[in-house]
Protein backbone atom coordinates (compact mmCIF):
# COMPACT_ATOMS: atom_id res chain seq x y z
CA MET A 1 182.32 61.65 -1.22
CA SER A 2 184.85 63.25 -3.55
CA ASN A 3 187.27 60.35 -3.03
CA LEU A 4 184.55 57.90 -4.02
CA LEU A 5 183.81 59.85 -7.20
CA ARG A 6 187.51 60.07 -8.03
CA ASP A 7 187.91 56.33 -7.55
CA LEU A 8 184.92 55.58 -9.76
CA PHE A 9 185.92 57.82 -12.66
CA ASP A 10 189.69 58.23 -12.54
CA LYS A 11 191.22 55.75 -15.01
CA ASN A 12 194.73 56.58 -13.83
CA TYR A 13 193.81 55.45 -10.33
CA TYR A 14 192.85 51.98 -11.58
CA SER A 15 195.84 51.79 -13.91
CA ASP A 16 198.20 52.61 -11.05
CA MET A 17 196.49 50.08 -8.79
CA LEU A 18 196.82 47.35 -11.45
CA LYS A 19 200.52 48.14 -11.92
CA GLN A 20 201.04 47.91 -8.15
CA TRP A 21 199.35 44.49 -8.02
CA GLN A 22 201.49 43.24 -10.92
CA LYS A 23 204.63 44.48 -9.17
CA GLU A 24 203.62 42.71 -5.93
CA ASP A 25 202.93 39.48 -7.86
CA LYS A 26 206.46 39.54 -9.28
CA GLU A 27 208.05 40.33 -5.92
CA ASN A 28 206.10 37.49 -4.26
CA ARG A 29 206.90 35.09 -7.13
CA ASP A 30 203.19 34.54 -7.57
CA CYS A 31 201.98 32.09 -10.25
CA PHE A 32 200.08 34.85 -12.07
CA ALA A 33 203.42 36.55 -12.85
CA CYS A 34 205.03 33.31 -14.06
CA LYS A 35 205.43 32.49 -17.75
CA ARG A 36 204.27 28.93 -16.99
CA CYS A 37 200.80 30.19 -15.98
CA LEU A 38 198.22 29.41 -18.67
CA ASP A 39 195.09 31.56 -18.75
CA MET A 40 192.26 29.21 -19.73
CA SER A 41 189.51 31.75 -18.97
CA ASP A 42 186.52 32.30 -21.21
CA LYS A 43 183.75 34.87 -21.08
CA TYR A 44 181.92 32.87 -18.40
CA THR A 45 184.64 31.65 -16.02
CA THR A 46 188.13 32.53 -14.86
CA TYR A 47 190.57 29.64 -14.78
CA HIS A 48 194.36 29.55 -14.62
CA GLU A 49 196.48 26.45 -14.92
CA CYS A 50 200.17 25.68 -14.50
CA GLU A 51 201.94 24.36 -17.59
CA TYR A 52 203.56 21.66 -15.44
CA GLY A 53 200.80 20.41 -13.21
CA GLY A 54 197.21 21.36 -13.84
CA PRO A 55 195.51 23.87 -11.52
CA LEU A 56 197.70 26.41 -9.75
CA PRO A 57 199.11 25.19 -6.43
CA LYS A 58 197.51 26.51 -3.23
CA GLU A 59 200.74 28.28 -2.28
CA ARG A 60 200.73 29.78 -5.81
CA THR A 61 204.47 29.45 -6.37
CA CYS A 62 206.98 26.70 -7.15
CA LEU A 63 210.64 26.00 -7.86
CA LEU A 64 210.03 26.30 -11.62
CA TRP A 65 208.83 29.91 -11.39
CA GLU A 66 210.07 32.15 -14.19
CA ASP A 67 209.18 35.82 -14.78
CA LYS A 68 206.80 36.43 -17.73
CA ASP A 69 208.65 39.58 -18.78
CA ALA A 70 212.12 38.04 -18.72
């Protein structure tokens, strides 16, 4: 029970989890970590598109991948 409460209220837990996901996306060369990924989301839907070819590919990576932070 205490772990559940910690997970619900500990902001650092979620921040650390988000950082871990971002790190994994970069290591896996995932589209979401690529500077060519365009976030077209609005307050109703979530939609990401590749600058070079419309919707993100199913494999979510390509030869044109380039790190957002670079």
